Amino acid sequence: MTATLERIMQSSHQGVIDCQTAHGLAAELGLTPRALGQLIDEQTELRFDRCQLGLFGYGKKGTEAYKIVQAAKHCPPEIVAAIQLQVVDGRVPCTALWAIAQQFRYPRLGIGNIAEALGLKAKPCQLGCF
């Protein structure tokens, strides 16, 4: 097993690696999140967990608790406008949602909730999950 794969396995827990850890590992290893995701998919049996936008990994797959994203009740107009500028075919790239969260100093989950309220799908995922 390569040192990179060993480091990935050390960072996992019970067969899963969460989104935040995966992104930290990508930076640590000098990989893009997509390259790390592809490596994990091709070389391990690990599953990704706990999406930072709330889209998956928060309970048993197939249950209501699996996703924690909920349609936001309050959608700041400036954030809505920023998101809408990034929409292509009803989708917004994960990277764009993260950038908007950083720009407005807004939690990533909150941005995911606003996208949900707007009926938008986050795609593609930076790790290649969707």
C-alpha atoms as a PDB file:
ATOM      1  CA  MET A   1       0.000   0.000   0.000  1.00  0.00           C
ATOM      2  CA  THR A   2       1.362   3.418  -0.925  1.00  0.00           C
ATOM      3  CA  ALA A   3       1.963   6.107   1.668  1.00  0.00           C
ATOM      4  CA  THR A   4      -0.938   8.087   0.189  1.00  0.00           C
ATOM      5  CA  LEU A   5      -3.351   5.186   0.578  1.00  0.00           C
ATOM      6  CA  GLU A   6      -2.079   4.529   4.084  1.00  0.00           C
ATOM      7  CA  ARG A   7      -2.730   8.170   5.002  1.00  0.00           C
ATOM      8  CA  ILE A   8      -6.229   7.961   3.537  1.00  0.00           C
ATOM      9  CA  MET A   9      -7.005   4.809   5.496  1.00  0.00           C
ATOM     10  CA  GLN A  10      -5.665   6.377   8.703  1.00  0.00           C
ATOM     11  CA  SER A  11      -8.078   9.263   8.191  1.00  0.00           C
ATOM     12  CA  SER A  12     -11.115   7.046   7.736  1.00  0.00           C
ATOM     13  CA  HIS A  13     -13.334   5.669  10.450  1.00  0.00           C
ATOM     14  CA  GLN A  14     -15.395   2.488  10.198  1.00  0.00           C
ATOM     15  CA  GLY A  15     -15.222   2.400   6.410  1.00  0.00           C
ATOM     16  CA  VAL A  16     -16.126   6.025   5.801  1.00  0.00           C
ATOM     17  CA  ILE A  17     -14.334   9.294   5.264  1.00  0.00           C
ATOM     18  CA  ASP A  18     -16.206  12.513   5.783  1.00  0.00           C
ATOM     19  CA  CYS A  19     -16.197  15.375   3.305  1.00  0.00           C
ATOM     20  CA  GLN A  20     -14.277  17.773   5.543  1.00  0.00           C
ATOM     21  CA  THR A  21     -11.535  15.225   6.225  1.00  0.00           C
ATOM     22  CA  ALA A  22     -11.315  14.331   2.529  1.00  0.00           C
ATOM     23  CA  HIS A  23     -10.821  17.975   1.570  1.00  0.00           C
ATOM     24  CA  GLY A  24      -8.156  18.401   4.242  1.00  0.00           C
ATOM     25  CA  LEU A  25      -6.394  15.286   3.002  1.00  0.00           C
ATOM     26  CA  ALA A  26      -6.486  16.487  -0.598  1.00  0.00           C
ATOM     27  CA  ALA A  27      -4.735  19.701   0.440  1.00  0.00           C
ATOM     28  CA  GLU A  28      -2.243  17.821   2.625  1.00  0.00           C
ATOM     29  CA  LEU A  29      -1.409  15.366  -0.171  1.00  0.00           C
ATOM     30  CA  GLY A  30      -1.265  17.995  -2.914  1.00  0.00           C
ATOM     31  CA  LEU A  31      -4.235  16.547  -4.789  1.00  0.00           C
ATOM     32  CA  THR A  32      -7.404  18.125  -6.076  1.00  0.00           C
ATOM     33  CA  PRO A  33     -10.506  16.966  -4.225  1.00  0.00           C
ATOM     34  CA  ARG A  34     -11.639  15.261  -7.459  1.00  0.00           C
ATOM     35  CA  ALA A  35      -8.330  13.363  -7.774  1.00  0.00           C
ATOM     36  CA  LEU A  36      -8.552  12.264  -4.139  1.00  0.00           C
ATOM     37  CA  GLY A  37     -12.160  11.153  -4.638  1.00  0.00           C
ATOM     38  CA  GLN A  38     -11.219   9.159  -7.696  1.00  0.00           C
ATOM     39  CA  LEU A  39      -8.299   7.529  -5.868  1.00  0.00           C
ATOM     40  CA  ILE A  40     -10.549   6.585  -2.960  1.00  0.00           C
ATOM     41  CA  ASP A  41     -13.196   5.168  -5.323  1.00  0.00           C
ATOM     42  CA  GLU A  42     -10.693   3.161  -7.364  1.00  0.00           C
ATOM     43  CA  GLN A  43      -8.329   1.965  -4.642  1.00  0.00           C
ATOM     44  CA  THR A  44     -10.435   1.520  -1.496  1.00  0.00           C
ATOM     45  CA  GLU A  45     -13.815   0.351  -0.285  1.00  0.00           C
ATOM     46  CA  LEU A  46     -14.363   3.597   1.657  1.00  0.00           C
ATOM     47  CA  ARG A  47     -17.598   5.535   1.366  1.00  0.00           C
ATOM     48  CA  PHE A  48     -17.882   9.303   1.605  1.00  0.00           C
ATOM     49  CA  ASP A  49     -19.911  10.678   4.488  1.00  0.00           C
ATOM     50  CA  ARG A  50     -21.233  13.938   5.962  1.00  0.00           C
ATOM     51  CA  CYS A  51     -21.384  16.254   2.955  1.00  0.00           C
ATOM     52  CA  GLN A  52     -20.686  19.815   4.061  1.00  0.00           C
ATOM     53  CA  LEU A  53     -23.700  21.027   2.068  1.00  0.00           C
ATOM     54  CA  GLY A  54     -25.876  18.497   3.947  1.00  0.00           C
ATOM     55  CA  LEU A  55     -26.669  16.376   0.908  1.00  0.00           C
ATOM     56  CA  PHE A  56     -25.720  12.913   2.173  1.00  0.00           C
ATOM     57  CA  GLY A  57     -24.144  10.835   4.905  1.00  0.00           C
ATOM     58  CA  TYR A  58     -25.991  11.816   8.072  1.00  0.00           C
ATOM     59  CA  GLY A  59     -27.846   8.628   8.786  1.00  0.00           C
ATOM     60  CA  LYS A  60     -28.653   5.298   7.251  1.00  0.00           C
ATOM     61  CA  LYS A  61     -28.888   5.508   3.465  1.00  0.00           C
ATOM     62  CA  GLY A  62     -32.470   5.388   2.298  1.00  0.00           C
ATOM     63  CA  THR A  63     -33.829   7.001   5.472  1.00  0.00           C
ATOM     64  CA  GLU A  64     -35.132  10.519   5.874  1.00  0.00           C
ATOM     65  CA  ALA A  65     -32.179  11.395   8.143  1.00  0.00           C
ATOM     66  CA  TYR A  66     -29.642  10.596   5.394  1.00  0.00           C
ATOM     67  CA  LYS A  67     -29.824  14.176   4.131  1.00  0.00           C
ATOM     68  CA  ILE A  68     -29.910  17.085   6.555  1.00  0.00           C
ATOM     69  CA  VAL A  69     -30.370  19.796   3.943  1.00  0.00           C
ATOM     70  CA  GLN A  70     -33.725  21.558   4.293  1.00  0.00           C
ATOM     71  CA  ALA A  71     -35.283  24.335   2.278  1.00  0.00           C
ATOM     72  CA  ALA A  72     -34.234  27.590   3.938  1.00  0.00           C
ATOM     73  CA  LYS A  73     -37.045  29.712   5.283  1.00  0.00           C
ATOM     74  CA  HIS A  74     -34.992  32.905   4.884  1.00  0.00           C
ATOM     75  CA  CYS A  75     -32.960  33.406   1.717  1.00  0.00           C
ATOM     76  CA  PRO A  76     -30.898  36.609   1.710  1.00  0.00           C
ATOM     77  CA  PRO A  77     -31.454  38.232  -1.706  1.00  0.00           C
ATOM     78  CA  GLU A  78     -27.748  38.884  -2.296  1.00  0.00           C
ATOM     79  CA  ILE A  79     -26.937  35.206  -1.722  1.00  0.00           C
ATOM     80  CA  VAL A  80     -29.818  34.102  -3.940  1.00  0.00           C
ATOM     81  CA  ALA A  81     -28.515  36.406  -6.693  1.00  0.00           C
ATOM     82  CA  ALA A  82     -24.980  35.025  -6.332  1.00  0.00           C
ATOM     83  CA  ILE A  83     -26.245  31.441  -6.529  1.00  0.00           C
ATOM     84  CA  GLN A  84     -28.465  32.155  -9.528  1.00  0.00           C
ATOM     85  CA  LEU A  85     -25.471  33.526 -11.440  1.00  0.00           C
ATOM     86  CA  GLN A  86     -23.882  30.063 -11.178  1.00  0.00           C
ATOM     87  CA  VAL A  87     -26.869  27.963 -12.283  1.00  0.00           C
ATOM     88  CA  VAL A  88     -26.529  25.799 -15.385  1.00  0.00           C
ATOM     89  CA  ASP A  89     -29.440  23.491 -16.271  1.00  0.00           C
ATOM     90  CA  GLY A  90     -30.861  23.653 -12.740  1.00  0.00           C
ATOM     91  CA  ARG A  91     -27.524  22.741 -11.181  1.00  0.00           C
ATOM     92  CA  VAL A  92     -24.904  24.655  -9.259  1.00  0.00           C
ATOM     93  CA  PRO A  93     -21.366  23.275  -8.889  1.00  0.00           C
ATOM     94  CA  CYS A  94     -20.349  22.415  -5.350  1.00  0.00           C
ATOM     95  CA  THR A  95     -17.275  24.635  -5.811  1.00  0.00           C
ATOM     96  CA  ALA A  96     -19.523  27.613  -6.621  1.00  0.00           C
ATOM     97  CA  LEU A  97     -21.645  27.027  -3.508  1.00  0.00           C
ATOM     98  CA  TRP A  98     -18.522  26.824  -1.355  1.00  0.00           C
ATOM     99  CA  ALA A  99     -17.181  30.049  -2.896  1.00  0.00           C
ATOM    100  CA  ILE A 100     -20.479  31.808  -2.198  1.00  0.00           C
ATOM    101  CA  ALA A 101     -20.409  30.584   1.391  1.00  0.00           C
ATOM    102  CA  GLN A 102     -16.910  32.012   1.776  1.00  0.00           C
ATOM    103  CA  GLN A 103     -17.783  35.271   0.016  1.00  0.00           C
ATOM    104  CA  PHE A 104     -20.754  35.935   2.291  1.00  0.00           C
ATOM    105  CA  ARG A 105     -19.224  34.296   5.388  1.00  0.00           C
ATOM    106  CA  TYR A 106     -22.222  32.014   5.514  1.00  0.00           C
ATOM    107  CA  PRO A 107     -22.204  28.365   6.655  1.00  0.00           C
ATOM    108  CA  ARG A 108     -21.922  25.838   3.840  1.00  0.00           C
ATOM    109  CA  LEU A 109     -24.958  23.982   5.147  1.00  0.00           C
ATOM    110  CA  GLY A 110     -26.887  27.258   5.073  1.00  0.00           C
ATOM    111  CA  ILE A 111     -25.918  27.741   1.431  1.00  0.00           C
ATOM    112  CA  GLY A 112     -27.049  24.173   0.732  1.00  0.00           C
ATOM    113  CA  ASN A 113     -30.383  24.996   2.400  1.00  0.00           C
ATOM    114  CA  ILE A 114     -30.803  28.090   0.212  1.00  0.00           C
ATOM    115  CA  ALA A 115     -30.047  26.073  -2.930  1.00  0.00           C
ATOM    116  CA  GLU A 116     -32.625  23.530  -1.774  1.00  0.00           C
ATOM    117  CA  ALA A 117     -35.224  26.301  -1.294  1.00  0.00           C
ATOM    118  CA  LEU A 118     -34.489  27.457  -4.843  1.00  0.00           C
ATOM    119  CA  GLY A 119     -35.040  23.922  -6.170  1.00  0.00           C
ATOM    120  CA  LEU A 120     -31.445  23.624  -7.368  1.00  0.00           C
ATOM    121  CA  LYS A 121     -29.204  20.574  -7.347  1.00  0.00           C
ATOM    122  CA  ALA A 122     -25.567  20.784  -6.298  1.00  0.00           C
ATOM    123  CA  LYS A 123     -23.622  19.106  -9.064  1.00  0.00           C
ATOM    124  CA  PRO A 124     -20.872  18.267  -9.715  1.00  0.00           C
ATOM    125  CA  CYS A 125     -19.490  17.381  -6.312  1.00  0.00           C
ATOM    126  CA  GLN A 126     -15.847  18.304  -5.780  1.00  0.00           C
ATOM    127  CA  LEU A 127     -15.078  14.739  -4.647  1.00  0.00           C
ATOM    128  CA  GLY A 128     -16.984  13.171  -7.538  1.00  0.00           C
ATOM    129  CA  CYS A 129     -19.800  11.742  -5.423  1.00  0.00           C
ATOM    130  CA  PHE A 130     -22.456  13.129  -7.764  1.00  0.00           C
END
